[in-house]
Protein backbone atom coordinates (compact mmCIF):
# COMPACT_ATOMS: atom_id res chain seq x y z
CA MET A 1 63.40 107.51 56.95
CA LYS A 2 60.70 105.34 55.43
CA THR A 3 58.37 102.84 56.98
CA GLU A 4 57.60 99.40 55.58
CA ILE A 5 55.20 99.78 52.66
CA THR A 6 53.00 96.87 53.71
CA PRO A 7 52.05 95.57 57.17
CA ILE A 8 51.04 92.10 55.96
CA THR A 9 53.17 89.03 56.52
CA ILE A 10 54.11 87.44 53.21
CA PRO A 11 55.26 83.81 53.18
CA GLN A 12 58.84 83.33 52.01
CA GLU A 13 57.66 81.12 49.14
CA ALA A 14 55.91 84.13 47.64
CA PHE A 15 59.11 86.18 47.70
CA ASP A 16 61.00 83.31 46.07
CA TRP A 17 58.38 82.95 43.34
CA TYR A 18 58.37 86.69 42.74
CA ASP A 19 62.14 86.61 42.28
CA GLU A 20 61.78 83.74 39.83
CA TYR A 21 59.06 85.62 37.95
CA ALA A 22 60.94 88.93 37.93
CA HIS A 23 64.01 87.25 36.44
CA GLY A 24 62.26 85.29 33.72
CA GLY A 25 62.14 81.86 35.36
CA ILE A 26 58.35 81.68 35.24
CA ASP A 27 55.64 83.70 33.52
CA ARG A 28 53.04 85.88 35.21
CA ARG A 29 50.30 83.26 34.92
CA THR A 30 52.43 80.67 36.72
CA PHE A 31 53.40 83.18 39.39
CA MET A 32 49.78 84.11 40.07
CA SER A 33 48.74 80.46 40.02
CA ARG A 34 51.33 79.63 42.68
CA LEU A 35 50.15 82.52 44.83
CA GLY A 36 46.66 81.14 44.54
CA GLY A 37 47.83 77.86 46.02
CA LEU A 38 49.16 79.44 49.18
CA ALA A 39 47.12 79.16 52.34
CA ILE A 40 47.35 82.78 53.46
CA ALA A 41 44.78 83.41 56.14
CA GLY A 42 42.54 86.34 55.34
CA LEU A 43 44.58 87.49 52.33
CA THR A 44 43.64 87.33 48.68
CA VAL A 45 45.99 86.70 45.79
CA GLY A 46 45.49 90.32 44.78
CA VAL A 47 46.57 91.64 48.16
CA VAL A 48 49.76 89.56 48.17
CA SER A 49 50.65 90.31 44.56
CA ASP A 50 50.02 94.03 45.08
CA ALA A 51 52.40 93.97 48.06
CA LEU A 52 55.10 92.28 45.99
CA MET A 53 54.70 94.33 42.81
CA PRO A 54 56.34 97.79 42.78
CA ASN A 55 54.31 100.84 43.68
CA TYR A 56 56.58 103.68 42.66
CA ALA A 57 54.36 106.34 44.19
CA LEU A 58 55.55 105.08 47.58
CA ALA A 59 59.26 105.06 46.74
CA GLU A 60 60.13 108.72 46.24
CA GLN A 61 62.57 109.97 48.86
CA VAL A 62 63.80 113.03 46.93
CA SER A 63 61.32 114.94 44.81
CA PHE A 64 62.19 115.53 41.18
CA ASN A 65 61.68 119.26 41.78
CA ASP A 66 63.69 119.45 45.02
CA ALA A 67 65.40 122.84 45.03
CA ALA A 68 68.69 121.29 46.20
CA ILE A 69 69.20 119.38 42.94
CA LYS A 70 69.18 120.02 39.22
CA ALA A 71 68.02 117.20 36.93
CA SER A 72 68.02 116.81 33.17
CA TYR A 73 68.31 114.18 30.45
CA MET A 74 71.26 113.73 28.15
CA THR A 75 72.31 111.43 25.33
CA PHE A 76 75.72 109.90 24.73
CA ASP A 77 77.43 107.97 21.96
CA SER A 78 77.69 104.19 22.26
CA PRO A 79 79.32 102.96 19.03
CA GLU A 80 79.96 99.44 20.38
CA GLY A 81 76.48 99.22 21.88
CA ASN A 82 73.15 100.40 20.50
CA GLY A 83 74.58 103.50 18.85
CA GLU A 84 73.15 106.06 21.23
CA GLY A 85 72.31 106.02 24.93
CA ARG A 86 70.23 108.34 27.05
CA GLY A 87 69.98 108.84 30.77
CA TYR A 88 68.97 110.95 33.73
CA LEU A 89 71.65 113.35 34.97
CA VAL A 90 71.31 114.85 38.45
CA GLN A 91 73.66 117.26 40.20
CA PRO A 92 73.62 119.42 43.33
CA ALA A 93 71.97 122.71 42.41
CA ASN A 94 74.61 124.98 43.93
CA ALA A 95 77.78 122.93 43.60
CA ALA A 96 81.04 124.81 43.20
CA GLY A 97 83.78 123.10 41.23
CA LYS A 98 83.96 119.58 39.92
CA LEU A 99 82.12 116.69 41.53
CA PRO A 100 82.78 113.02 42.17
CA ALA A 101 80.50 111.10 39.81
CA VAL A 102 78.41 107.96 40.26
CA LEU A 103 76.84 105.84 37.55
CA VAL A 104 73.50 104.36 38.70
CA VAL A 105 72.53 101.12 36.97
CA HIS A 106 68.95 99.88 36.89
CA GLU A 107 67.57 96.36 37.17
CA ASN A 108 66.41 94.23 34.23
CA ARG A 109 63.50 96.50 33.33
CA GLY A 110 64.80 99.91 32.30
CA LEU A 111 65.06 103.25 34.06
CA ASN A 112 62.14 103.12 36.46
CA PRO A 113 61.21 105.78 39.07
CA TYR A 114 63.03 103.99 41.90
CA ILE A 115 66.37 104.20 40.06
CA LYS A 116 65.79 107.86 39.23
CA ASP A 117 65.19 108.48 42.92
CA VAL A 118 68.47 106.75 43.78
CA ALA A 119 70.23 109.17 41.41
CA ARG A 120 68.55 112.11 43.15
CA ARG A 121 69.60 110.77 46.57
CA LEU A 122 73.20 110.75 45.39
CA ALA A 123 72.97 114.30 44.07
CA LYS A 124 71.63 115.41 47.45
CA GLN A 125 74.83 113.98 48.94
CA GLY A 126 77.06 116.01 46.63
CA PHE A 127 77.62 113.60 43.74
CA LEU A 128 77.11 114.02 40.01
CA ALA A 129 74.78 111.09 39.28
CA PHE A 130 73.84 109.60 35.93
CA ALA A 131 71.31 106.81 35.41
CA PRO A 132 71.18 105.48 31.82
CA ASP A 133 68.14 103.76 30.36
CA ALA A 134 69.04 100.56 28.50
CA LEU A 135 65.66 100.78 26.74
CA HIS A 136 66.35 104.16 25.12
CA THR A 137 66.49 102.87 21.54
CA LEU A 138 63.16 101.08 22.08
CA GLY A 139 61.44 104.20 23.36
CA GLY A 140 62.65 104.11 26.96
CA TYR A 141 61.14 102.67 30.12
CA PRO A 142 57.50 102.01 29.16
CA GLY A 143 55.90 102.90 32.48
CA ASN A 144 55.55 99.44 33.98
CA ASP A 145 58.00 96.73 34.92
CA ASP A 146 56.39 93.85 33.04
CA GLU A 147 56.74 95.61 29.70
CA GLY A 148 60.17 96.90 30.70
CA ARG A 149 61.42 93.38 31.44
CA ALA A 150 60.08 92.10 28.14
CA LEU A 151 61.75 94.92 26.23
CA GLN A 152 65.10 94.49 27.93
CA LYS A 153 64.98 90.72 27.43
CA SER A 154 64.45 91.29 23.69
CA MET A 155 67.68 93.26 23.38
CA ASP A 156 71.22 92.07 22.77
CA ARG A 157 72.76 91.78 26.25
CA GLY A 158 76.27 92.42 24.95
CA LYS A 159 75.18 95.70 23.40
CA ILE A 160 73.46 96.74 26.63
CA GLU A 161 76.71 96.06 28.49
CA GLN A 162 78.58 98.23 25.99
CA ASP A 163 76.03 101.01 26.49
CA PHE A 164 76.78 101.09 30.21
CA ILE A 165 80.52 100.98 29.59
CA ALA A 166 80.12 103.93 27.21
CA ALA A 167 78.02 105.75 29.82
CA ALA A 168 80.72 105.21 32.45
CA LYS A 169 83.42 106.60 30.17
CA MET A 170 81.24 109.57 29.25
CA LEU A 171 80.47 110.36 32.88
CA LYS A 172 84.09 110.09 33.97
CA ALA A 173 85.02 112.62 31.28
CA HIS A 174 82.02 114.91 31.88
CA GLU A 175 82.86 118.58 32.33
CA LEU A 176 81.40 118.54 35.82
CA SER A 177 83.21 115.36 36.88
CA SER A 178 86.29 115.37 39.07
CA ASP A 179 87.51 112.31 37.10
CA LYS A 180 86.64 110.07 40.04
CA LEU A 181 83.87 107.65 39.13
CA GLY A 182 81.82 105.22 41.19
CA ALA A 183 79.13 102.79 40.12
CA VAL A 184 76.16 101.44 42.03
CA GLY A 185 73.58 99.03 40.65
CA PHE A 186 70.85 96.66 41.64
CA CYS A 187 70.19 93.11 40.41
CA PHE A 188 71.12 93.30 36.70
CA GLY A 189 72.70 96.61 37.63
CA GLY A 190 74.71 94.77 40.28
CA TYR A 191 76.03 92.51 37.54
CA ILE A 192 76.97 95.57 35.48
CA CYS A 193 78.81 97.00 38.50
CA ASN A 194 80.77 93.76 38.82
CA LEU A 195 81.55 93.99 35.11
CA LEU A 196 82.69 97.61 35.46
CA ALA A 197 84.89 96.56 38.37
CA THR A 198 87.04 94.73 35.79
CA MET A 199 87.91 98.17 34.34
CA PRO A 200 89.89 100.01 37.02
CA ALA A 201 91.02 102.65 34.52
CA VAL A 202 87.37 103.70 34.19
CA VAL A 203 85.68 102.97 37.53
CA ASP A 204 87.36 103.92 40.81
CA ALA A 205 84.88 102.22 43.16
CA SER A 206 81.94 99.91 42.56
CA VAL A 207 78.99 98.84 44.74
CA PRO A 208 76.90 95.98 43.33
CA PHE A 209 73.68 95.22 45.18
CA TYR A 210 72.72 91.53 44.80
CA GLY A 211 74.41 91.13 41.43
CA THR A 212 76.20 88.17 39.89
CA PRO A 213 79.90 88.41 38.93
CA ALA A 214 81.37 89.21 35.55
CA LYS A 215 81.40 86.26 33.19
CA GLY A 216 84.28 83.91 32.40
CA ASP A 217 87.86 85.07 32.65
CA LEU A 218 86.79 88.69 33.15
CA VAL A 219 86.26 87.95 36.83
CA ASN A 220 90.02 87.56 37.19
CA GLN A 221 90.48 91.22 36.25
CA VAL A 222 88.61 92.62 39.26
CA LYS A 223 90.94 94.56 41.52
CA GLY A 224 88.53 96.84 43.38
CA PRO A 225 87.80 98.83 45.41
CA LEU A 226 84.58 96.86 45.57
CA MET A 227 81.77 96.75 48.13
CA ILE A 228 79.32 93.89 47.56
CA GLN A 229 75.86 93.92 49.13
CA PHE A 230 73.94 90.63 49.49
CA ALA A 231 70.55 89.59 50.85
CA GLU A 232 70.69 86.50 53.04
CA LEU A 233 67.55 84.94 51.51
CA ASP A 234 68.66 85.53 47.90
CA LYS A 235 69.65 81.96 47.07
CA ARG A 236 69.94 82.57 43.32
CA VAL A 237 72.57 85.32 43.51
CA ASN A 238 74.29 84.05 46.65
CA ALA A 239 75.08 80.75 44.95
CA SER A 240 77.65 82.63 42.84
CA TRP A 241 79.45 84.17 45.83
CA PRO A 242 81.81 81.36 46.96
CA ASP A 243 83.48 81.11 43.54
CA TYR A 244 83.50 84.89 43.15
CA GLU A 245 85.16 85.36 46.51
CA THR A 246 87.75 82.74 45.62
CA ALA A 247 88.58 84.70 42.47
CA LEU A 248 88.76 88.00 44.36
CA LYS A 249 91.16 86.52 46.88
CA ALA A 250 93.30 85.06 44.08
CA ASN A 251 93.37 88.55 42.49
CA SER A 252 94.37 90.15 45.81
CA ALA A 253 91.39 92.40 45.15
CA ASP A 254 90.42 95.23 47.47
CA TYR A 255 86.90 94.17 48.41
CA GLU A 256 84.45 93.89 51.25
CA ALA A 257 81.14 92.05 51.31
CA PHE A 258 78.08 92.33 53.51
CA ILE A 259 75.25 89.83 53.84
CA TYR A 260 72.15 91.37 55.39
CA PRO A 261 70.30 88.82 57.55
CA GLY A 262 66.69 87.88 56.98
CA VAL A 263 66.13 90.00 53.87
CA ASN A 264 65.29 89.23 50.25
CA HIS A 265 66.73 90.16 46.89
CA GLY A 266 65.64 93.73 46.26
CA PHE A 267 65.66 94.77 49.92
CA HIS A 268 66.87 98.27 49.02
CA ASN A 269 63.95 98.88 46.64
CA ASP A 270 61.42 100.79 48.72
CA SER A 271 58.61 100.34 46.20
CA THR A 272 57.83 96.69 47.03
CA GLY A 273 57.18 94.37 49.95
CA ARG A 274 60.78 93.14 49.71
CA TYR A 275 61.97 96.45 51.11
CA ASN A 276 63.61 96.28 54.53
CA GLU A 277 64.20 99.72 55.96
CA GLU A 278 66.88 98.76 58.48
CA ALA A 279 68.99 96.80 55.99
CA ALA A 280 68.44 99.35 53.22
CA GLU A 281 69.51 102.29 55.37
CA LEU A 282 72.58 100.46 56.63
CA ALA A 283 73.61 99.33 53.15
CA TRP A 284 73.09 102.83 51.77
CA SER A 285 75.07 104.51 54.56
CA ARG A 286 77.92 102.09 53.88
CA THR A 287 77.67 102.87 50.17
CA LEU A 288 77.91 106.61 50.73
CA GLU A 289 80.84 106.19 53.12
CA PHE A 290 82.60 103.95 50.58
CA PHE A 291 82.16 106.46 47.78
CA GLY A 292 83.22 109.29 50.05
CA LYS A 293 86.44 107.43 50.82
CA HIS A 294 87.36 106.34 47.30
CA LEU A 295 86.02 109.20 45.17
CA SER A 296 87.43 112.09 47.15
CA ALA A 297 89.93 114.26 45.35
């Protein structure tokens, strides 16, 4: 169990502006300028921005050298995407036989330490986990989120989508995989999970965290099983939910959705002030139970 990473009280406006900044709506200068206009008693702009920005040293729940897991990197072919993909593969160290597999999809900034840790958490629970890095052909995650966002934004989104589809197909067919494949992703990764949910022949269960639905007519192909995790204060993503739910009902899709009260977009990410331990733990326990149900042999 983790504690909140910051004891300060951050005004909701700051969370909203951070979300806008993190998703390209405003630049860093505008974000910092807005923070400077807040009347936050006793707190400097630097203190608030530091609480909102990720600190990955605080986010590790499973060490990369934990004896219970085995981690490595592997490449895969992505002929419809960027040609080649690369990702972080984690498995239980002493597993016997084939394993249910889970694709872990990062946000809009590449394979950062938080996402790697999520993959390790899954391996500790008995899954074969693979977390691709969309930035592989540009040198990989650059070590900070600002540069990572800029790199990912510079890439062809359609090719990135094809890279994750190729990764899912590779993982399902992996020699250690039981041929049961789940997907979990956050923000942009949540969108990718909704996209993968349109491909029931590839993905057997999908869990998008605060992600928008697949585009256009693709949404009508979602059949599930699907578990959708929302943050109550995430107005941007939540605005897409009524239409998405209408489509899911029209599809007779197998889905369930949870809206966690009083939390922001990114509440599962334990490297920033958006993290909410209670909601994150509940959402994660539901995720593990969901995968256990739908990925069992």
